[in-house]
C-alpha atoms as a PDB file:
ATOM      1  CA  MET A   1      15.756  17.027 -20.065  1.00  0.00           C
ATOM      2  CA  ASP A   2      15.010  20.702 -20.691  1.00  0.00           C
ATOM      3  CA  VAL A   3      17.705  22.892 -22.241  1.00  0.00           C
ATOM      4  CA  HIS A   4      16.976  26.584 -22.669  1.00  0.00           C
ATOM      5  CA  ASP A   5      18.948  29.272 -24.513  1.00  0.00           C
ATOM      6  CA  VAL A   6      22.419  27.837 -23.872  1.00  0.00           C
ATOM      7  CA  HIS A   7      25.341  30.019 -24.981  1.00  0.00           C
ATOM      8  CA  HIS A   8      29.054  29.377 -24.694  1.00  0.00           C
ATOM      9  CA  SER A   9      32.144  31.058 -26.091  1.00  0.00           C
ATOM     10  CA  TYR A  10      35.875  30.500 -25.958  1.00  0.00           C
ATOM     11  CA  ARG A  11      37.328  33.993 -25.704  1.00  0.00           C
ATOM     12  CA  GLN A  12      35.790  35.818 -28.671  1.00  0.00           C
ATOM     13  CA  HIS A  13      34.687  32.676 -30.507  1.00  0.00           C
ATOM     14  CA  ALA A  14      30.997  31.881 -29.938  1.00  0.00           C
ATOM     15  CA  VAL A  15      30.453  28.111 -30.161  1.00  0.00           C
ATOM     16  CA  LEU A  16      26.869  27.814 -28.912  1.00  0.00           C
ATOM     17  CA  ARG A  17      24.473  30.634 -29.753  1.00  0.00           C
ATOM     18  CA  GLY A  18      21.210  29.779 -28.033  1.00  0.00           C
ATOM     19  CA  VAL A  19      20.772  26.007 -27.969  1.00  0.00           C
ATOM     20  CA  GLY A  20      17.435  24.754 -26.749  1.00  0.00           C
ATOM     21  CA  LEU A  21      15.754  21.358 -26.716  1.00  0.00           C
ATOM     22  CA  ARG A  22      13.261  19.334 -24.757  1.00  0.00           C
ATOM     23  CA  LEU A  23      13.669  15.599 -24.345  1.00  0.00           C
ATOM     24  CA  LYS A  24      10.489  13.999 -23.054  1.00  0.00           C
ATOM     25  CA  PRO A  25      10.288  10.635 -21.262  1.00  0.00           C
ATOM     26  CA  GLY A  26      10.036   7.749 -23.701  1.00  0.00           C
ATOM     27  CA  THR A  27      12.001   9.538 -26.419  1.00  0.00           C
ATOM     28  CA  LEU A  28      14.948   8.322 -28.495  1.00  0.00           C
ATOM     29  CA  ALA A  29      16.563  11.382 -30.059  1.00  0.00           C
ATOM     30  CA  GLY A  30      19.759  12.305 -31.835  1.00  0.00           C
ATOM     31  CA  ILE A  31      22.045  15.274 -32.427  1.00  0.00           C
ATOM     32  CA  VAL A  32      24.419  15.310 -35.388  1.00  0.00           C
ATOM     33  CA  GLY A  33      27.001  17.852 -36.426  1.00  0.00           C
ATOM     34  CA  GLU A  34      30.259  18.259 -38.262  1.00  0.00           C
ATOM     35  CA  ASN A  35      33.580  18.209 -36.445  1.00  0.00           C
ATOM     36  CA  GLY A  36      34.035  21.608 -34.837  1.00  0.00           C
ATOM     37  CA  ALA A  37      30.294  22.327 -34.731  1.00  0.00           C
ATOM     38  CA  GLY A  38      30.315  22.466 -30.931  1.00  0.00           C
ATOM     39  CA  LYS A  39      29.107  18.945 -30.057  1.00  0.00           C
ATOM     40  CA  THR A  40      31.829  18.396 -27.461  1.00  0.00           C
ATOM     41  CA  THR A  41      31.077  21.705 -25.757  1.00  0.00           C
ATOM     42  CA  LEU A  42      27.352  20.975 -25.766  1.00  0.00           C
ATOM     43  CA  LEU A  43      27.925  17.488 -24.351  1.00  0.00           C
ATOM     44  CA  LYS A  44      30.067  18.863 -21.536  1.00  0.00           C
ATOM     45  CA  ILE A  45      27.333  21.339 -20.681  1.00  0.00           C
ATOM     46  CA  LEU A  46      24.535  18.751 -20.843  1.00  0.00           C
ATOM     47  CA  SER A  47      26.497  16.381 -18.607  1.00  0.00           C
ATOM     48  CA  GLY A  48      27.322  19.109 -16.076  1.00  0.00           C
ATOM     49  CA  GLU A  49      31.051  19.040 -16.783  1.00  0.00           C
ATOM     50  CA  LEU A  50      31.021  22.621 -18.109  1.00  0.00           C
ATOM     51  CA  ARG A  51      28.952  25.604 -17.044  1.00  0.00           C
ATOM     52  CA  PRO A  52      27.351  27.586 -19.900  1.00  0.00           C
ATOM     53  CA  ASP A  53      27.940  31.319 -20.211  1.00  0.00           C
ATOM     54  CA  ARG A  54      24.183  31.729 -20.336  1.00  0.00           C
ATOM     55  CA  GLY A  55      21.154  29.454 -20.319  1.00  0.00           C
ATOM     56  CA  THR A  56      19.952  26.485 -18.272  1.00  0.00           C
ATOM     57  CA  VAL A  57      20.018  22.689 -18.384  1.00  0.00           C
ATOM     58  CA  HIS A  58      17.623  20.698 -16.241  1.00  0.00           C
ATOM     59  CA  HIS A  59      17.048  16.973 -16.017  1.00  0.00           C
ATOM     60  CA  SER A  60      15.082  15.032 -13.432  1.00  0.00           C
ATOM     61  CA  GLY A  61      15.689  11.526 -12.147  1.00  0.00           C
ATOM     62  CA  ARG A  62      18.844   9.454 -12.515  1.00  0.00           C
ATOM     63  CA  PHE A  63      21.295  10.652 -15.141  1.00  0.00           C
ATOM     64  CA  GLY A  64      23.677   8.534 -17.202  1.00  0.00           C
ATOM     65  CA  TYR A  65      26.492   9.661 -19.486  1.00  0.00           C
ATOM     66  CA  CYS A  66      28.549   7.531 -21.851  1.00  0.00           C
ATOM     67  CA  PRO A  67      31.463   9.697 -23.081  1.00  0.00           C
ATOM     68  CA  GLN A  68      33.215   9.074 -26.375  1.00  0.00           C
ATOM     69  CA  THR A  69      36.589   8.789 -24.648  1.00  0.00           C
ATOM     70  CA  VAL A  70      36.564   5.611 -22.599  1.00  0.00           C
ATOM     71  CA  VAL A  71      37.805   6.257 -19.050  1.00  0.00           C
ATOM     72  CA  LEU A  72      38.869   2.871 -17.717  1.00  0.00           C
ATOM     73  CA  ASP A  73      41.667   1.521 -15.543  1.00  0.00           C
ATOM     74  CA  ASP A  74      43.584  -0.895 -17.751  1.00  0.00           C
ATOM     75  CA  SER A  75      44.769  -2.898 -14.728  1.00  0.00           C
ATOM     76  CA  PHE A  76      41.183  -3.583 -13.559  1.00  0.00           C
ATOM     77  CA  THR A  77      39.098  -6.478 -14.840  1.00  0.00           C
ATOM     78  CA  VAL A  78      35.609  -5.910 -16.165  1.00  0.00           C
ATOM     79  CA  ARG A  79      34.224  -7.366 -12.925  1.00  0.00           C
ATOM     80  CA  GLN A  80      36.315  -4.967 -10.832  1.00  0.00           C
ATOM     81  CA  HIS A  81      34.999  -2.008 -12.843  1.00  0.00           C
ATOM     82  CA  LEU A  82      31.437  -3.169 -12.229  1.00  0.00           C
ATOM     83  CA  ASP A  83      32.071  -3.593  -8.499  1.00  0.00           C
ATOM     84  CA  PHE A  84      33.654  -0.146  -8.265  1.00  0.00           C
ATOM     85  CA  PHE A  85      30.742   1.552 -10.034  1.00  0.00           C
ATOM     86  CA  ARG A  86      28.197  -0.515  -8.088  1.00  0.00           C
ATOM     87  CA  SER A  87      29.644   0.960  -4.905  1.00  0.00           C
ATOM     88  CA  ALA A  88      29.796   4.478  -6.395  1.00  0.00           C
ATOM     89  CA  PHE A  89      26.131   4.301  -7.484  1.00  0.00           C
ATOM     90  CA  GLY A  90      25.049   2.746  -4.177  1.00  0.00           C
ATOM     91  CA  LEU A  91      23.594  -0.324  -5.877  1.00  0.00           C
ATOM     92  CA  THR A  92      22.852  -3.565  -4.039  1.00  0.00           C
ATOM     93  CA  GLY A  93      23.473  -5.791  -7.049  1.00  0.00           C
ATOM     94  CA  LEU A  94      24.588  -6.011 -10.656  1.00  0.00           C
ATOM     95  CA  GLU A  95      21.335  -7.205 -12.237  1.00  0.00           C
ATOM     96  CA  ARG A  96      21.018  -4.246 -14.581  1.00  0.00           C
ATOM     97  CA  ALA A  97      24.678  -4.450 -15.664  1.00  0.00           C
ATOM     98  CA  GLU A  98      24.238  -8.153 -16.378  1.00  0.00           C
ATOM     99  CA  GLU A  99      21.186  -7.435 -18.562  1.00  0.00           C
ATOM    100  CA  VAL A 100      23.109  -4.862 -20.609  1.00  0.00           C
ATOM    101  CA  MET A 101      26.102  -7.163 -20.997  1.00  0.00           C
ATOM    102  CA  GLU A 102      23.853 -10.000 -22.099  1.00  0.00           C
ATOM    103  CA  THR A 103      22.272  -7.785 -24.758  1.00  0.00           C
ATOM    104  CA  LEU A 104      25.714  -6.693 -25.999  1.00  0.00           C
ATOM    105  CA  ALA A 105      27.094 -10.265 -25.881  1.00  0.00           C
ATOM    106  CA  PHE A 106      29.785  -9.205 -23.413  1.00  0.00           C
ATOM    107  CA  THR A 107      29.331 -11.519 -20.414  1.00  0.00           C
ATOM    108  CA  GLU A 108      32.296 -13.755 -21.280  1.00  0.00           C
ATOM    109  CA  TYR A 109      34.743 -10.909 -20.615  1.00  0.00           C
ATOM    110  CA  LEU A 110      33.992 -10.465 -16.897  1.00  0.00           C
ATOM    111  CA  ASP A 111      37.453 -11.550 -15.768  1.00  0.00           C
ATOM    112  CA  GLN A 112      39.346  -9.913 -18.619  1.00  0.00           C
ATOM    113  CA  ARG A 113      41.514  -6.909 -17.778  1.00  0.00           C
ATOM    114  CA  ALA A 114      40.367  -3.708 -19.490  1.00  0.00           C
ATOM    115  CA  GLY A 115      43.818  -3.173 -20.998  1.00  0.00           C
ATOM    116  CA  ARG A 116      43.462  -6.381 -22.996  1.00  0.00           C
ATOM    117  CA  LEU A 117      40.040  -5.602 -24.432  1.00  0.00           C
ATOM    118  CA  SER A 118      39.565  -4.580 -28.063  1.00  0.00           C
ATOM    119  CA  GLY A 119      38.265  -1.102 -28.852  1.00  0.00           C
ATOM    120  CA  GLY A 120      34.748  -2.403 -29.407  1.00  0.00           C
ATOM    121  CA  SER A 121      34.782  -4.392 -26.155  1.00  0.00           C
ATOM    122  CA  ARG A 122      36.036  -1.363 -24.221  1.00  0.00           C
ATOM    123  CA  GLN A 123      33.107   0.582 -25.609  1.00  0.00           C
ATOM    124  CA  LYS A 124      30.727  -2.173 -24.459  1.00  0.00           C
ATOM    125  CA  LEU A 125      32.120  -1.791 -20.944  1.00  0.00           C
ATOM    126  CA  ASN A 126      31.839   1.985 -21.224  1.00  0.00           C
ATOM    127  CA  LEU A 127      28.164   1.659 -22.167  1.00  0.00           C
ATOM    128  CA  THR A 128      27.476  -0.889 -19.431  1.00  0.00           C
ATOM    129  CA  LEU A 129      28.909   1.420 -16.768  1.00  0.00           C
ATOM    130  CA  ALA A 130      26.696   4.270 -17.993  1.00  0.00           C
ATOM    131  CA  LEU A 131      23.572   2.101 -17.877  1.00  0.00           C
ATOM    132  CA  MET A 132      24.077  -0.080 -14.812  1.00  0.00           C
ATOM    133  CA  HIS A 133      22.196   2.267 -12.442  1.00  0.00           C
ATOM    134  CA  ASP A 134      19.185   2.349 -14.813  1.00  0.00           C
ATOM    135  CA  PRO A 135      19.206   6.114 -15.552  1.00  0.00           C
ATOM    136  CA  ASP A 136      16.048   8.007 -16.509  1.00  0.00           C
ATOM    137  CA  VAL A 137      17.996  10.342 -18.813  1.00  0.00           C
ATOM    138  CA  LEU A 138      20.846   8.917 -20.860  1.00  0.00           C
ATOM    139  CA  LEU A 139      23.365  10.890 -22.907  1.00  0.00           C
ATOM    140  CA  LEU A 140      25.419   8.803 -25.361  1.00  0.00           C
ATOM    141  CA  ASP A 141      28.406  10.278 -27.209  1.00  0.00           C
ATOM    142  CA  GLU A 142      29.319   8.225 -30.317  1.00  0.00           C
ATOM    143  CA  PRO A 143      28.114   5.118 -28.417  1.00  0.00           C
ATOM    144  CA  TYR A 144      28.621   2.567 -31.212  1.00  0.00           C
ATOM    145  CA  GLN A 145      32.218   3.537 -31.974  1.00  0.00           C
ATOM    146  CA  GLY A 146      34.234   0.387 -32.677  1.00  0.00           C
ATOM    147  CA  PHE A 147      31.199  -1.913 -32.780  1.00  0.00           C
ATOM    148  CA  ASP A 148      30.882  -4.593 -35.415  1.00  0.00           C
ATOM    149  CA  TRP A 149      27.607  -4.835 -37.339  1.00  0.00           C
ATOM    150  CA  GLU A 150      25.977  -7.348 -34.983  1.00  0.00           C
ATOM    151  CA  THR A 151      26.834  -5.308 -31.901  1.00  0.00           C
ATOM    152  CA  TYR A 152      25.661  -2.159 -33.677  1.00  0.00           C
ATOM    153  CA  LEU A 153      22.249  -3.760 -34.153  1.00  0.00           C
ATOM    154  CA  ARG A 154      22.262  -4.934 -30.540  1.00  0.00           C
ATOM    155  CA  PHE A 155      22.955  -1.358 -29.454  1.00  0.00           C
ATOM    156  CA  TRP A 156      19.857  -0.093 -31.252  1.00  0.00           C
ATOM    157  CA  GLU A 157      17.823  -2.918 -29.759  1.00  0.00           C
ATOM    158  CA  LEU A 158      18.974  -1.768 -26.333  1.00  0.00           C
ATOM    159  CA  ALA A 159      18.314   1.919 -27.062  1.00  0.00           C
ATOM    160  CA  THR A 160      14.807   1.137 -28.329  1.00  0.00           C
ATOM    161  CA  ARG A 161      14.086  -0.962 -25.258  1.00  0.00           C
ATOM    162  CA  LEU A 162      15.137   1.950 -23.033  1.00  0.00           C
ATOM    163  CA  ARG A 163      12.863   4.322 -24.948  1.00  0.00           C
ATOM    164  CA  ASP A 164       9.944   1.905 -24.672  1.00  0.00           C
ATOM    165  CA  ALA A 165      10.542   1.682 -20.912  1.00  0.00           C
ATOM    166  CA  GLY A 166      10.014   5.447 -20.643  1.00  0.00           C
ATOM    167  CA  ARG A 167      13.627   6.565 -20.582  1.00  0.00           C
ATOM    168  CA  SER A 168      14.929   9.669 -22.358  1.00  0.00           C
ATOM    169  CA  VAL A 169      17.837   8.744 -24.625  1.00  0.00           C
ATOM    170  CA  LEU A 170      19.985  11.217 -26.571  1.00  0.00           C
ATOM    171  CA  VAL A 171      22.528   9.889 -29.085  1.00  0.00           C
ATOM    172  CA  VAL A 172      25.168  12.365 -30.275  1.00  0.00           C
ATOM    173  CA  SER A 173      27.209  11.613 -33.398  1.00  0.00           C
ATOM    174  CA  HIS A 174      28.950  13.329 -36.289  1.00  0.00           C
ATOM    175  CA  LEU A 175      26.908  11.252 -38.755  1.00  0.00           C
ATOM    176  CA  ALA A 176      23.186  10.454 -38.885  1.00  0.00           C
ATOM    177  CA  TYR A 177      22.997   6.684 -39.007  1.00  0.00           C
ATOM    178  CA  ASP A 178      19.632   4.887 -38.965  1.00  0.00           C
ATOM    179  CA  ILE A 179      17.663   8.074 -38.406  1.00  0.00           C
ATOM    180  CA  ASP A 180      14.429   6.166 -38.949  1.00  0.00           C
ATOM    181  CA  ARG A 181      15.022   4.644 -35.494  1.00  0.00           C
ATOM    182  CA  LEU A 182      14.874   8.104 -33.877  1.00  0.00           C
ATOM    183  CA  ASP A 183      11.820   9.992 -32.673  1.00  0.00           C
ATOM    184  CA  GLN A 184      13.592  13.316 -33.105  1.00  0.00           C
ATOM    185  CA  LEU A 185      16.780  14.461 -34.816  1.00  0.00           C
ATOM    186  CA  TRP A 186      18.567  17.798 -34.579  1.00  0.00           C
ATOM    187  CA  ARG A 187      21.592  19.113 -36.460  1.00  0.00           C
ATOM    188  CA  LEU A 188      23.997  21.367 -34.576  1.00  0.00           C
ATOM    189  CA  GLU A 189      25.063  24.056 -37.012  1.00  0.00           C
ATOM    190  CA  GLY A 190      26.015  27.679 -36.564  1.00  0.00           C
ATOM    191  CA  GLY A 191      25.838  27.289 -32.815  1.00  0.00           C
ATOM    192  CA  ARG A 192      22.150  26.338 -32.859  1.00  0.00           C
ATOM    193  CA  LEU A 193      20.069  23.177 -33.132  1.00  0.00           C
ATOM    194  CA  HIS A 194      17.973  22.762 -36.258  1.00  0.00           C
ATOM    195  CA  ILE A 195      15.293  20.111 -36.715  1.00  0.00           C
ATOM    196  CA  GLN A 196      16.543  17.589 -39.240  1.00  0.00           C
ATOM    197  CA  GLU A 197      13.932  16.105 -41.513  1.00  0.00           C
ATOM    198  CA  ARG A 198      13.904  12.390 -42.134  1.00  0.00           C
ATOM    199  CA  PRO A 199      13.839  11.237 -45.777  1.00  0.00           C
ATOM    200  CA  MET A 200      10.199  10.166 -45.598  1.00  0.00           C
ATOM    201  CA  GLU A 201       9.190  13.488 -44.052  1.00  0.00           C
ATOM    202  CA  ALA A 202      11.116  15.470 -46.663  1.00  0.00           C
ATOM    203  CA  ALA A 203       9.359  13.540 -49.431  1.00  0.00           C
ATOM    204  CA  ALA A 204       5.887  14.071 -47.978  1.00  0.00           C
END
Protein backbone atom coordinates (compact mmCIF):
# COMPACT_ATOMS: atom_id res chain seq x y z
CA MET A 1 0.00 0.00 0.00
CA ASP A 2 1.29 3.44 -0.98
CA VAL A 3 -0.38 6.52 0.48
CA HIS A 4 0.82 9.92 -0.68
CA ASP A 5 -0.03 13.40 0.64
CA VAL A 6 -3.61 12.64 1.69
CA HIS A 7 -5.66 15.64 2.84
CA HIS A 8 -9.25 15.78 4.01
CA SER A 9 -11.40 18.43 5.65
CA TYR A 10 -14.94 18.70 6.93
CA ARG A 11 -16.03 22.20 5.94
CA GLN A 12 -13.31 24.42 7.42
CA HIS A 13 -11.91 21.79 9.78
CA ALA A 14 -8.81 20.07 8.37
CA VAL A 15 -8.60 16.50 9.72
CA LEU A 16 -5.81 15.07 7.57
CA ARG A 17 -3.00 17.41 6.54
CA GLY A 18 -0.73 15.39 4.28
CA VAL A 19 -0.73 11.77 5.41
CA GLY A 20 1.75 9.51 3.70
CA LEU A 21 2.95 5.97 4.32
CA ARG A 22 4.30 2.96 2.51
CA LEU A 23 3.39 -0.54 3.59
CA LYS A 24 5.67 -3.11 1.99
CA PRO A 25 4.84 -6.81 1.54
CA GLY A 26 5.71 -8.84 4.61
CA THR A 27 5.10 -5.95 7.01
CA LEU A 28 3.05 -5.83 10.21
CA ALA A 29 2.46 -2.17 11.03
CA GLY A 30 0.28 -0.09 13.29
CA ILE A 31 -1.30 3.36 13.51
CA VAL A 32 -2.36 4.77 16.86
CA GLY A 33 -4.09 8.01 17.71
CA GLU A 34 -6.36 9.65 20.23
CA ASN A 35 -10.11 9.81 19.72
CA GLY A 36 -10.79 12.60 17.26
CA ALA A 37 -7.31 12.41 15.71
CA GLY A 38 -8.75 11.44 12.33
CA LYS A 39 -8.33 7.64 12.41
CA THR A 40 -11.87 6.98 11.20
CA THR A 41 -11.49 9.40 8.30
CA LEU A 42 -8.13 7.90 7.36
CA LEU A 43 -9.54 4.36 7.53
CA LYS A 44 -12.43 5.30 5.26
CA ILE A 45 -9.99 6.75 2.75
CA LEU A 46 -7.61 3.77 2.91
CA SER A 47 -10.50 1.35 2.40
CA GLY A 48 -11.94 3.33 -0.51
CA GLU A 49 -15.12 4.30 1.33
CA LEU A 50 -14.23 8.01 1.23
CA ARG A 51 -12.43 10.02 -1.42
CA PRO A 52 -9.67 12.34 -0.12
CA ASP A 53 -9.73 16.04 -0.97
CA ARG A 54 -6.18 15.63 -2.21
CA GLY A 55 -3.63 12.83 -2.40
CA THR A 56 -3.59 9.21 -3.55
CA VAL A 57 -3.99 5.72 -2.09
CA HIS A 58 -2.79 2.72 -4.05
CA HIS A 59 -2.72 -0.94 -3.12
CA SER A 60 -2.08 -3.94 -5.35
CA GLY A 61 -3.48 -7.44 -5.05
CA ARG A 62 -6.45 -8.56 -2.98
CA PHE A 63 -7.60 -6.14 -0.31
CA GLY A 64 -9.23 -6.99 3.02
CA TYR A 65 -10.84 -4.65 5.54
CA CYS A 66 -12.06 -5.49 9.03
CA PRO A 67 -14.06 -2.48 10.29
CA GLN A 68 -14.49 -1.71 13.96
CA THR A 69 -18.28 -1.73 13.63
CA VAL A 70 -19.35 -5.29 12.94
CA VAL A 71 -21.76 -5.45 9.99
CA LEU A 72 -23.58 -8.76 10.35
CA ASP A 73 -27.12 -10.03 9.82
CA ASP A 74 -28.29 -11.21 13.23
CA SER A 75 -30.72 -13.69 11.65
CA PHE A 76 -27.93 -15.46 9.71
CA THR A 77 -25.82 -18.24 11.18
CA VAL A 78 -22.05 -18.10 11.02
CA ARG A 79 -22.15 -20.70 8.24
CA GLN A 80 -24.62 -18.62 6.23
CA HIS A 81 -22.35 -15.57 6.54
CA LEU A 82 -19.42 -17.62 5.26
CA ASP A 83 -21.46 -18.96 2.33
CA PHE A 84 -22.65 -15.47 1.42
CA PHE A 85 -19.14 -14.01 1.44
CA ARG A 86 -17.73 -17.07 -0.36
CA SER A 87 -20.12 -16.30 -3.21
CA ALA A 88 -19.34 -12.56 -3.09
CA PHE A 89 -15.58 -13.22 -3.25
CA GLY A 90 -15.99 -15.86 -5.96
CA LEU A 91 -14.31 -18.55 -3.85
CA THR A 92 -14.65 -22.26 -4.57
CA GLY A 93 -14.31 -23.32 -0.94
CA LEU A 94 -14.00 -22.23 2.67
CA GLU A 95 -10.52 -23.60 3.43
CA ARG A 96 -9.05 -20.24 4.35
CA ALA A 97 -12.03 -19.30 6.55
CA GLU A 98 -11.73 -22.64 8.34
CA GLU A 99 -8.02 -22.01 9.02
CA VAL A 100 -8.76 -18.59 10.54
CA MET A 101 -11.60 -19.96 12.65
CA GLU A 102 -9.40 -22.78 13.89
CA THR A 103 -6.72 -20.29 14.94
CA LEU A 104 -9.31 -18.15 16.76
CA ALA A 105 -10.98 -21.21 18.35
CA PHE A 106 -14.29 -20.34 16.68
CA THR A 107 -15.23 -23.47 14.71
CA GLU A 108 -17.86 -24.65 17.21
CA TYR A 109 -20.08 -21.65 16.41
CA LEU A 110 -20.74 -22.48 12.75
CA ASP A 111 -24.47 -23.06 13.25
CA GLN A 112 -24.97 -20.29 15.79
CA ARG A 113 -26.98 -17.26 14.70
CA ALA A 114 -24.96 -14.03 14.71
CA GLY A 115 -27.51 -12.33 16.96
CA ARG A 116 -26.75 -14.82 19.72
CA LEU A 117 -22.98 -14.43 19.61
CA SER A 118 -21.07 -12.53 22.29
CA GLY A 119 -19.23 -9.35 21.34
CA GLY A 120 -15.91 -11.17 21.16
CA SER A 121 -17.37 -13.96 19.01
CA ARG A 122 -18.95 -11.43 16.65
CA GLN A 123 -15.53 -9.86 16.24
CA LYS A 124 -14.05 -13.29 15.43
CA LEU A 125 -16.62 -13.65 12.65
CA ASN A 126 -15.88 -10.11 11.48
CA LEU A 127 -12.17 -10.95 11.24
CA THR A 128 -12.83 -14.27 9.51
CA LEU A 129 -14.92 -12.58 6.82
CA ALA A 130 -12.13 -10.06 6.18
CA LEU A 131 -9.52 -12.80 5.84
CA MET A 132 -11.36 -15.61 4.07
CA HIS A 133 -10.29 -14.54 0.56
CA ASP A 134 -6.61 -14.43 1.64
CA PRO A 135 -5.98 -10.71 0.98
CA ASP A 136 -2.52 -9.37 0.14
CA VAL A 137 -3.21 -6.09 1.97
CA LEU A 138 -5.20 -6.19 5.19
CA LEU A 139 -6.55 -3.20 7.10
CA LEU A 140 -7.72 -3.98 10.66
CA ASP A 141 -9.63 -1.41 12.73
CA GLU A 142 -9.50 -2.21 16.47
CA PRO A 143 -9.42 -5.93 15.51
CA TYR A 144 -9.09 -7.37 19.02
CA GLN A 145 -12.01 -5.45 20.51
CA GLY A 146 -13.92 -7.74 22.88
CA PHE A 147 -11.32 -10.52 22.81
CA ASP A 148 -10.30 -12.32 25.96
CA TRP A 149 -6.59 -12.71 26.68
CA GLU A 150 -6.23 -16.09 24.97
CA THR A 151 -7.97 -14.90 21.82
CA TYR A 152 -5.91 -11.71 21.90
CA LEU A 153 -2.75 -13.82 21.78
CA ARG A 154 -4.24 -15.96 19.02
CA PHE A 155 -4.93 -12.79 17.03
CA TRP A 156 -1.27 -11.77 17.17
CA GLU A 157 -0.25 -15.29 16.19
CA LEU A 158 -2.48 -14.96 13.15
CA ALA A 159 -1.23 -11.46 12.28
CA THR A 160 2.40 -12.60 12.54
CA ARG A 161 1.69 -15.60 10.35
CA LEU A 162 0.18 -13.31 7.71
CA ARG A 163 3.23 -11.04 7.82
CA ASP A 164 5.57 -14.02 7.49
CA ALA A 165 3.58 -15.19 4.46
CA GLY A 166 4.34 -11.88 2.73
CA ARG A 167 1.10 -10.06 3.44
CA SER A 168 0.89 -6.36 4.33
CA VAL A 169 -1.03 -5.92 7.59
CA LEU A 170 -2.02 -2.58 9.12
CA VAL A 171 -3.55 -2.52 12.62
CA VAL A 172 -5.28 0.71 13.64
CA SER A 173 -6.05 1.37 17.31
CA HIS A 174 -6.39 4.19 19.81
CA LEU A 175 -3.79 2.53 22.05
CA ALA A 176 -0.40 1.00 21.25
CA TYR A 177 -0.55 -2.52 22.62
CA ASP A 178 2.35 -4.94 22.13
CA ILE A 179 4.27 -2.57 19.88
CA ASP A 180 7.26 -4.91 19.99
CA ARG A 181 5.26 -7.20 17.68
CA LEU A 182 5.13 -4.48 14.99
CA ASP A 183 7.68 -3.75 12.29
CA GLN A 184 6.54 -0.14 12.07
CA LEU A 185 4.37 2.13 14.20
CA TRP A 186 2.97 5.56 13.39
CA ARG A 187 1.03 8.00 15.56
CA LEU A 188 -1.67 10.08 13.89
CA GLU A 189 -1.46 13.53 15.43
CA GLY A 190 -2.15 16.98 14.07
CA GLY A 191 -3.44 15.49 10.85
CA ARG A 192 -0.12 13.80 10.03
CA LEU A 193 1.58 10.48 10.72
CA HIS A 194 4.65 10.54 12.93
CA ILE A 195 7.02 7.61 13.40
CA GLN A 196 6.57 6.28 16.91
CA GLU A 197 9.68 4.98 18.59
CA ARG A 198 9.57 1.70 20.43
CA PRO A 199 10.89 1.67 24.02
CA MET A 200 14.06 -0.18 23.07
CA GLU A 201 14.74 2.24 20.21
CA ALA A 202 14.15 5.27 22.43
CA ALA A 203 16.62 3.89 24.98
CA ALA A 204 19.32 3.19 22.40
